[in-house]
Amino acid sequence: MIRRALVWLGRRMKGELFAIDPGVPASALVGFAVGRGVDALRGVWLRIWLGRGSAWPVFVGARVRVSCARRVVLGRGVTLGEGVVLRGLSRAGVRLGDGVSVGAGTVIVATSVLRELGEGCVIGRNSGIGQFGFIGCGGGVEIGANVIMGQYVSFHTQRHRFEDPARPIVAQGVERCGIVIGDDVWVGAKATFLPGAVVGRGSVVAAGAVVRGVVPEGAIVAGVPARVIGWRPGFGGN
């Protein structure tokens, strides 16, 4: 009974791909259900704070921090892991689509200094970022739907200016350039995206890669800086 109920609920939140391994014991399912229930109760309070733009239910772990809440919009079934930080202060805000999962300890921030408002971040439906990620979206970050990201993935949309040797670097300001990740992309752990990176639909970014410039659709990239090392079937050189 509980297995069927969880599958039904999961598919409403995540779509038809949601499933539970038959080997998972009932006791574990009960523990999972209780934990999700507690997270859903936290989500009720957060939903009230965020205002009418956000959906319900949302699942919120312990010690989640949200600032400038009126510029944060959460879709139905969003999960915020323990210790997640969302700083909504930005021009476009932070918008997480239905079913988005944000791993424990991840930080999403657009405005690091009040003298220059950041652009913001949009993450598409059913995408997820692993634990301890960082999305610095001062220059704008757009992540498509069904994107899978591992642990410690980071996005950097600002670079410090340093041309004038007579002035401290910290006083020379920054240049901003947005990052765009297409739909159906798999990003390995500890990948880093630099200002202006564009990753095409269906691509694979290897663990530890440093991505700058344009990654073609369906490409498999790896290295520092990331280079094309292959193609998914049906794309590019195939």
C-alpha atoms as a PDB file:
ATOM      1  CA  MET A   1       0.000   0.000   0.000  1.00  0.00           C
ATOM      2  CA  ILE A   2       2.667   2.533   0.998  1.00  0.00           C
ATOM      3  CA  ARG A   3       4.773   1.615  -2.047  1.00  0.00           C
ATOM      4  CA  ARG A   4       1.864   2.266  -4.395  1.00  0.00           C
ATOM      5  CA  ALA A   5       1.061   5.540  -2.657  1.00  0.00           C
ATOM      6  CA  LEU A   6       4.646   6.767  -2.906  1.00  0.00           C
ATOM      7  CA  VAL A   7       4.891   5.810  -6.577  1.00  0.00           C
ATOM      8  CA  TRP A   8       1.635   7.622  -7.286  1.00  0.00           C
ATOM      9  CA  LEU A   9       2.815  10.750  -5.484  1.00  0.00           C
ATOM     10  CA  GLY A  10       6.285  10.558  -7.027  1.00  0.00           C
ATOM     11  CA  ARG A  11       4.895  10.353 -10.533  1.00  0.00           C
ATOM     12  CA  ARG A  12       2.703  13.348  -9.908  1.00  0.00           C
ATOM     13  CA  MET A  13       5.781  15.320  -8.847  1.00  0.00           C
ATOM     14  CA  LYS A  14       8.446  13.843 -11.156  1.00  0.00           C
ATOM     15  CA  GLY A  15       6.565  12.250 -14.040  1.00  0.00           C
ATOM     16  CA  GLU A  16       6.270   8.673 -15.261  1.00  0.00           C
ATOM     17  CA  LEU A  17       9.979   7.919 -14.876  1.00  0.00           C
ATOM     18  CA  PHE A  18       9.665   7.853 -11.091  1.00  0.00           C
ATOM     19  CA  ALA A  19       9.951   4.326  -9.681  1.00  0.00           C
ATOM     20  CA  ILE A  20      10.901   2.476  -6.482  1.00  0.00           C
ATOM     21  CA  ASP A  21      13.169  -0.580  -6.557  1.00  0.00           C
ATOM     22  CA  PRO A  22      11.249  -3.701  -5.443  1.00  0.00           C
ATOM     23  CA  GLY A  23      14.125  -4.495  -3.082  1.00  0.00           C
ATOM     24  CA  VAL A  24      13.492  -1.438  -0.891  1.00  0.00           C
ATOM     25  CA  PRO A  25      11.947  -2.748   2.375  1.00  0.00           C
ATOM     26  CA  ALA A  26       8.702  -1.385   3.748  1.00  0.00           C
ATOM     27  CA  SER A  27      10.483  -0.018   6.839  1.00  0.00           C
ATOM     28  CA  ALA A  28      12.709   2.158   4.647  1.00  0.00           C
ATOM     29  CA  LEU A  29       9.691   3.384   2.713  1.00  0.00           C
ATOM     30  CA  VAL A  30       7.966   4.368   5.946  1.00  0.00           C
ATOM     31  CA  GLY A  31      11.055   6.287   7.060  1.00  0.00           C
ATOM     32  CA  PHE A  32      11.254   8.004   3.681  1.00  0.00           C
ATOM     33  CA  ALA A  33       7.562   8.943   3.817  1.00  0.00           C
ATOM     34  CA  VAL A  34       7.887  10.387   7.312  1.00  0.00           C
ATOM     35  CA  GLY A  35      10.936  12.412   6.302  1.00  0.00           C
ATOM     36  CA  ARG A  36       9.196  13.768   3.221  1.00  0.00           C
ATOM     37  CA  GLY A  37       6.187  14.633   5.343  1.00  0.00           C
ATOM     38  CA  VAL A  38       8.335  16.697   7.682  1.00  0.00           C
ATOM     39  CA  ASP A  39       9.962  18.407   4.700  1.00  0.00           C
ATOM     40  CA  ALA A  40       6.502  19.123   3.247  1.00  0.00           C
ATOM     41  CA  LEU A  41       5.426  20.793   6.495  1.00  0.00           C
ATOM     42  CA  ARG A  42       8.480  23.051   6.338  1.00  0.00           C
ATOM     43  CA  GLY A  43       7.509  23.698   2.741  1.00  0.00           C
ATOM     44  CA  VAL A  44       4.082  24.955   3.804  1.00  0.00           C
ATOM     45  CA  TRP A  45       5.669  27.708   5.868  1.00  0.00           C
ATOM     46  CA  LEU A  46       8.118  28.579   3.105  1.00  0.00           C
ATOM     47  CA  ARG A  47       5.309  28.652   0.538  1.00  0.00           C
ATOM     48  CA  ILE A  48       3.403  31.158   2.694  1.00  0.00           C
ATOM     49  CA  TRP A  49       6.517  33.314   2.989  1.00  0.00           C
ATOM     50  CA  LEU A  50       7.265  33.215  -0.747  1.00  0.00           C
ATOM     51  CA  GLY A  51       3.777  34.324  -1.753  1.00  0.00           C
ATOM     52  CA  ARG A  52       1.332  33.314  -4.446  1.00  0.00           C
ATOM     53  CA  GLY A  53       3.821  32.821  -7.270  1.00  0.00           C
ATOM     54  CA  SER A  54       5.103  29.516  -5.879  1.00  0.00           C
ATOM     55  CA  ALA A  55       3.347  26.154  -6.089  1.00  0.00           C
ATOM     56  CA  TRP A  56       2.640  23.451  -3.542  1.00  0.00           C
ATOM     57  CA  PRO A  57       3.867  21.025  -2.326  1.00  0.00           C
ATOM     58  CA  VAL A  58       7.526  21.862  -1.916  1.00  0.00           C
ATOM     59  CA  PHE A  59       9.915  19.863   0.269  1.00  0.00           C
ATOM     60  CA  VAL A  60      12.329  21.784   2.465  1.00  0.00           C
ATOM     61  CA  GLY A  61      15.178  20.306   4.479  1.00  0.00           C
ATOM     62  CA  ALA A  62      16.504  21.569   7.789  1.00  0.00           C
ATOM     63  CA  ARG A  63      18.420  24.858   7.969  1.00  0.00           C
ATOM     64  CA  VAL A  64      17.364  26.076   4.518  1.00  0.00           C
ATOM     65  CA  ARG A  65      17.825  29.836   4.196  1.00  0.00           C
ATOM     66  CA  VAL A  66      15.933  32.026   1.720  1.00  0.00           C
ATOM     67  CA  SER A  67      16.467  35.772   1.438  1.00  0.00           C
ATOM     68  CA  CYS A  68      14.546  38.318  -0.641  1.00  0.00           C
ATOM     69  CA  ALA A  69      11.831  35.673  -0.743  1.00  0.00           C
ATOM     70  CA  ARG A  70       9.433  37.605  -2.965  1.00  0.00           C
ATOM     71  CA  ARG A  71      11.888  37.133  -5.843  1.00  0.00           C
ATOM     72  CA  VAL A  72      12.094  33.364  -5.367  1.00  0.00           C
ATOM     73  CA  VAL A  73       9.562  31.190  -7.214  1.00  0.00           C
ATOM     74  CA  LEU A  74       9.349  27.438  -6.619  1.00  0.00           C
ATOM     75  CA  GLY A  75       7.441  25.017  -8.830  1.00  0.00           C
ATOM     76  CA  ARG A  76       5.420  22.033  -7.658  1.00  0.00           C
ATOM     77  CA  GLY A  77       7.484  19.282  -6.075  1.00  0.00           C
ATOM     78  CA  VAL A  78      10.688  21.290  -5.697  1.00  0.00           C
ATOM     79  CA  THR A  79      13.071  19.764  -3.137  1.00  0.00           C
ATOM     80  CA  LEU A  80      15.564  21.906  -1.216  1.00  0.00           C
ATOM     81  CA  GLY A  81      18.114  19.783   0.630  1.00  0.00           C
ATOM     82  CA  GLU A  82      19.477  20.453   4.083  1.00  0.00           C
ATOM     83  CA  GLY A  83      21.369  23.739   4.388  1.00  0.00           C
ATOM     84  CA  VAL A  84      20.482  25.094   0.933  1.00  0.00           C
ATOM     85  CA  VAL A  85      20.845  28.877   0.543  1.00  0.00           C
ATOM     86  CA  LEU A  86      18.708  30.801  -1.983  1.00  0.00           C
ATOM     87  CA  ARG A  87      19.374  34.518  -2.272  1.00  0.00           C
ATOM     88  CA  GLY A  88      16.648  35.947  -4.433  1.00  0.00           C
ATOM     89  CA  LEU A  89      17.945  39.523  -4.672  1.00  0.00           C
ATOM     90  CA  SER A  90      18.368  40.032  -8.433  1.00  0.00           C
ATOM     91  CA  ARG A  91      16.636  41.503 -11.461  1.00  0.00           C
ATOM     92  CA  ALA A  92      14.903  38.304 -12.577  1.00  0.00           C
ATOM     93  CA  GLY A  93      14.950  36.451  -9.266  1.00  0.00           C
ATOM     94  CA  VAL A  94      15.506  32.732  -8.708  1.00  0.00           C
ATOM     95  CA  ARG A  95      12.952  30.477 -10.419  1.00  0.00           C
ATOM     96  CA  LEU A  96      12.971  26.700  -9.966  1.00  0.00           C
ATOM     97  CA  GLY A  97      10.637  24.669 -12.186  1.00  0.00           C
ATOM     98  CA  ASP A  98       8.424  21.749 -11.223  1.00  0.00           C
ATOM     99  CA  GLY A  99      10.304  18.802  -9.753  1.00  0.00           C
ATOM    100  CA  VAL A 100      13.654  20.577  -9.430  1.00  0.00           C
ATOM    101  CA  SER A 101      15.977  19.139  -6.772  1.00  0.00           C
ATOM    102  CA  VAL A 102      18.679  21.227  -5.090  1.00  0.00           C
ATOM    103  CA  GLY A 103      21.207  19.165  -3.132  1.00  0.00           C
ATOM    104  CA  ALA A 104      22.226  19.751   0.466  1.00  0.00           C
ATOM    105  CA  GLY A 105      24.622  22.636   1.048  1.00  0.00           C
ATOM    106  CA  THR A 106      24.097  24.217  -2.375  1.00  0.00           C
ATOM    107  CA  VAL A 107      24.183  28.014  -2.660  1.00  0.00           C
ATOM    108  CA  ILE A 108      22.391  30.048  -5.354  1.00  0.00           C
ATOM    109  CA  VAL A 109      23.269  33.747  -5.258  1.00  0.00           C
ATOM    110  CA  ALA A 110      23.047  36.546  -7.831  1.00  0.00           C
ATOM    111  CA  THR A 111      23.946  39.761  -6.040  1.00  0.00           C
ATOM    112  CA  SER A 112      27.223  39.701  -4.133  1.00  0.00           C
ATOM    113  CA  VAL A 113      27.535  43.481  -3.691  1.00  0.00           C
ATOM    114  CA  LEU A 114      24.673  45.979  -3.379  1.00  0.00           C
ATOM    115  CA  ARG A 115      26.234  48.473  -5.794  1.00  0.00           C
ATOM    116  CA  GLU A 116      25.317  46.230  -8.753  1.00  0.00           C
ATOM    117  CA  LEU A 117      22.206  44.072  -8.856  1.00  0.00           C
ATOM    118  CA  GLY A 118      22.676  40.605 -10.351  1.00  0.00           C
ATOM    119  CA  GLU A 119      20.552  39.025 -13.083  1.00  0.00           C
ATOM    120  CA  GLY A 120      19.258  35.793 -11.506  1.00  0.00           C
ATOM    121  CA  CYS A 121      18.743  32.104 -12.232  1.00  0.00           C
ATOM    122  CA  VAL A 122      16.172  29.886 -13.941  1.00  0.00           C
ATOM    123  CA  ILE A 123      16.244  26.077 -13.651  1.00  0.00           C
ATOM    124  CA  GLY A 124      13.876  24.029 -15.806  1.00  0.00           C
ATOM    125  CA  ARG A 125      11.528  21.200 -14.937  1.00  0.00           C
ATOM    126  CA  ASN A 126      12.904  17.993 -13.362  1.00  0.00           C
ATOM    127  CA  SER A 127      16.499  19.215 -13.269  1.00  0.00           C
ATOM    128  CA  GLY A 128      18.732  18.660 -10.273  1.00  0.00           C
ATOM    129  CA  ILE A 129      22.032  19.829  -8.853  1.00  0.00           C
ATOM    130  CA  GLY A 130      23.937  17.618  -6.423  1.00  0.00           C
ATOM    131  CA  GLN A 131      25.195  18.400  -2.953  1.00  0.00           C
ATOM    132  CA  PHE A 132      27.428  21.423  -2.291  1.00  0.00           C
ATOM    133  CA  GLY A 133      26.892  23.083  -5.639  1.00  0.00           C
ATOM    134  CA  PHE A 134      27.367  26.795  -6.281  1.00  0.00           C
ATOM    135  CA  ILE A 135      25.437  28.904  -8.770  1.00  0.00           C
ATOM    136  CA  GLY A 136      26.785  32.439  -8.940  1.00  0.00           C
ATOM    137  CA  CYS A 137      24.231  34.004 -11.247  1.00  0.00           C
ATOM    138  CA  GLY A 138      25.177  37.687 -11.237  1.00  0.00           C
ATOM    139  CA  GLY A 139      25.419  37.550 -15.024  1.00  0.00           C
ATOM    140  CA  GLY A 140      22.425  35.225 -15.360  1.00  0.00           C
ATOM    141  CA  VAL A 141      22.220  31.427 -15.401  1.00  0.00           C
ATOM    142  CA  GLU A 142      19.650  29.493 -17.432  1.00  0.00           C
ATOM    143  CA  ILE A 143      19.495  25.717 -16.971  1.00  0.00           C
ATOM    144  CA  GLY A 144      17.099  23.694 -19.093  1.00  0.00           C
ATOM    145  CA  ALA A 145      14.806  20.779 -18.280  1.00  0.00           C
ATOM    146  CA  ASN A 146      15.913  17.257 -17.281  1.00  0.00           C
ATOM    147  CA  VAL A 147      19.484  18.326 -16.520  1.00  0.00           C
ATOM    148  CA  ILE A 148      21.454  16.063 -14.152  1.00  0.00           C
ATOM    149  CA  MET A 149      24.324  17.571 -12.161  1.00  0.00           C
ATOM    150  CA  GLY A 150      26.662  15.880  -9.701  1.00  0.00           C
ATOM    151  CA  GLN A 151      28.192  17.136  -6.477  1.00  0.00           C
ATOM    152  CA  TYR A 152      30.309  20.306  -6.209  1.00  0.00           C
ATOM    153  CA  VAL A 153      29.281  21.671  -9.619  1.00  0.00           C
ATOM    154  CA  SER A 154      29.848  25.427  -9.860  1.00  0.00           C
ATOM    155  CA  PHE A 155      28.744  28.291 -12.118  1.00  0.00           C
ATOM    156  CA  HIS A 156      30.656  31.581 -12.329  1.00  0.00           C
ATOM    157  CA  THR A 157      29.181  34.398 -14.423  1.00  0.00           C
ATOM    158  CA  GLN A 158      31.496  37.195 -13.273  1.00  0.00           C
ATOM    159  CA  ARG A 159      35.197  37.828 -13.852  1.00  0.00           C
ATOM    160  CA  HIS A 160      37.212  40.483 -12.046  1.00  0.00           C
ATOM    161  CA  ARG A 161      38.814  43.231 -14.111  1.00  0.00           C
ATOM    162  CA  PHE A 162      42.557  43.703 -13.548  1.00  0.00           C
ATOM    163  CA  GLU A 163      43.833  45.867 -16.425  1.00  0.00           C
ATOM    164  CA  ASP A 164      44.875  48.863 -14.303  1.00  0.00           C
ATOM    165  CA  PRO A 165      47.997  48.033 -12.260  1.00  0.00           C
ATOM    166  CA  ALA A 166      47.641  51.289 -10.310  1.00  0.00           C
ATOM    167  CA  ARG A 167      44.363  50.219  -8.725  1.00  0.00           C
ATOM    168  CA  PRO A 168      43.559  47.224  -6.519  1.00  0.00           C
ATOM    169  CA  ILE A 169      41.777  44.481  -8.441  1.00  0.00           C
ATOM    170  CA  VAL A 170      38.914  44.660  -5.962  1.00  0.00           C
ATOM    171  CA  ALA A 171      38.305  48.302  -7.002  1.00  0.00           C
ATOM    172  CA  GLN A 172      38.203  47.614 -10.767  1.00  0.00           C
ATOM    173  CA  GLY A 173      34.803  45.970 -10.841  1.00  0.00           C
ATOM    174  CA  VAL A 174      33.656  42.907 -12.740  1.00  0.00           C
ATOM    175  CA  GLU A 175      32.535  41.837 -16.192  1.00  0.00           C
ATOM    176  CA  ARG A 176      29.409  39.703 -16.405  1.00  0.00           C
ATOM    177  CA  CYS A 177      28.450  37.109 -18.965  1.00  0.00           C
ATOM    178  CA  GLY A 178      25.613  34.628 -18.597  1.00  0.00           C
ATOM    179  CA  ILE A 179      25.723  30.832 -18.746  1.00  0.00           C
ATOM    180  CA  VAL A 180      23.187  28.674 -20.603  1.00  0.00           C
ATOM    181  CA  ILE A 181      22.751  24.898 -20.215  1.00  0.00           C
ATOM    182  CA  GLY A 182      20.399  23.188 -22.674  1.00  0.00           C
ATOM    183  CA  ASP A 183      17.869  20.441 -21.943  1.00  0.00           C
ATOM    184  CA  ASP A 184      18.863  16.835 -21.200  1.00  0.00           C
ATOM    185  CA  VAL A 185      22.470  17.522 -20.189  1.00  0.00           C
ATOM    186  CA  TRP A 186      24.487  15.347 -17.789  1.00  0.00           C
ATOM    187  CA  VAL A 187      27.134  17.198 -15.755  1.00  0.00           C
ATOM    188  CA  GLY A 188      29.666  15.215 -13.729  1.00  0.00           C
ATOM    189  CA  ALA A 189      30.860  16.052 -10.228  1.00  0.00           C
ATOM    190  CA  LYS A 190      33.118  19.087  -9.709  1.00  0.00           C
ATOM    191  CA  ALA A 191      32.550  20.475 -13.197  1.00  0.00           C
ATOM    192  CA  THR A 192      33.054  24.242 -13.429  1.00  0.00           C
ATOM    193  CA  PHE A 193      31.303  26.635 -15.824  1.00  0.00           C
ATOM    194  CA  LEU A 194      33.003  29.947 -16.607  1.00  0.00           C
ATOM    195  CA  PRO A 195      31.399  33.204 -17.833  1.00  0.00           C
ATOM    196  CA  GLY A 196      29.785  32.883 -21.252  1.00  0.00           C
ATOM    197  CA  ALA A 197      29.648  29.081 -21.346  1.00  0.00           C
ATOM    198  CA  VAL A 198      26.858  27.652 -23.524  1.00  0.00           C
ATOM    199  CA  VAL A 199      26.186  23.911 -23.408  1.00  0.00           C
ATOM    200  CA  GLY A 200      23.991  22.473 -26.125  1.00  0.00           C
ATOM    201  CA  ARG A 201      21.093  20.096 -25.669  1.00  0.00           C
ATOM    202  CA  GLY A 202      21.905  16.475 -24.918  1.00  0.00           C
ATOM    203  CA  SER A 203      25.560  17.038 -24.058  1.00  0.00           C
ATOM    204  CA  VAL A 204      27.681  15.269 -21.431  1.00  0.00           C
ATOM    205  CA  VAL A 205      30.214  17.184 -19.323  1.00  0.00           C
ATOM    206  CA  ALA A 206      32.777  14.947 -17.630  1.00  0.00           C
ATOM    207  CA  ALA A 207      33.625  15.193 -13.946  1.00  0.00           C
ATOM    208  CA  GLY A 208      36.154  17.922 -13.204  1.00  0.00           C
ATOM    209  CA  ALA A 209      35.819  19.627 -16.590  1.00  0.00           C
ATOM    210  CA  VAL A 210      36.215  23.397 -16.846  1.00  0.00           C
ATOM    211  CA  VAL A 211      33.782  24.650 -19.484  1.00  0.00           C
ATOM    212  CA  ARG A 212      34.130  27.894 -21.406  1.00  0.00           C
ATOM    213  CA  GLY A 213      32.786  28.872 -24.809  1.00  0.00           C
ATOM    214  CA  VAL A 214      30.249  26.784 -26.697  1.00  0.00           C
ATOM    215  CA  VAL A 215      29.689  23.038 -26.327  1.00  0.00           C
ATOM    216  CA  PRO A 216      27.785  21.660 -29.362  1.00  0.00           C
ATOM    217  CA  GLU A 217      24.607  19.662 -28.960  1.00  0.00           C
ATOM    218  CA  GLY A 218      25.246  16.027 -28.077  1.00  0.00           C
ATOM    219  CA  ALA A 219      28.971  16.507 -27.483  1.00  0.00           C
ATOM    220  CA  ILE A 220      30.905  14.697 -24.762  1.00  0.00           C
ATOM    221  CA  VAL A 221      33.478  17.067 -23.288  1.00  0.00           C
ATOM    222  CA  ALA A 222      36.246  16.629 -20.724  1.00  0.00           C
ATOM    223  CA  GLY A 223      39.422  18.313 -19.517  1.00  0.00           C
ATOM    224  CA  VAL A 224      40.754  21.727 -18.504  1.00  0.00           C
ATOM    225  CA  PRO A 225      39.662  23.534 -20.554  1.00  0.00           C
ATOM    226  CA  ALA A 226      36.919  21.166 -21.708  1.00  0.00           C
ATOM    227  CA  ARG A 227      37.276  19.777 -25.229  1.00  0.00           C
ATOM    228  CA  VAL A 228      35.107  17.495 -27.326  1.00  0.00           C
ATOM    229  CA  ILE A 229      36.219  13.883 -26.867  1.00  0.00           C
ATOM    230  CA  GLY A 230      33.209  12.189 -28.449  1.00  0.00           C
ATOM    231  CA  TRP A 231      29.571  12.368 -29.407  1.00  0.00           C
ATOM    232  CA  ARG A 232      26.363  10.797 -28.189  1.00  0.00           C
ATOM    233  CA  PRO A 233      24.642   8.551 -30.758  1.00  0.00           C
ATOM    234  CA  GLY A 234      22.639  10.583 -33.249  1.00  0.00           C
ATOM    235  CA  PHE A 235      24.616  13.813 -32.739  1.00  0.00           C
ATOM    236  CA  GLY A 236      27.629  15.557 -34.264  1.00  0.00           C
ATOM    237  CA  GLY A 237      30.126  13.217 -35.904  1.00  0.00           C
ATOM    238  CA  ASN A 238      27.820  10.165 -35.832  1.00  0.00           C
END
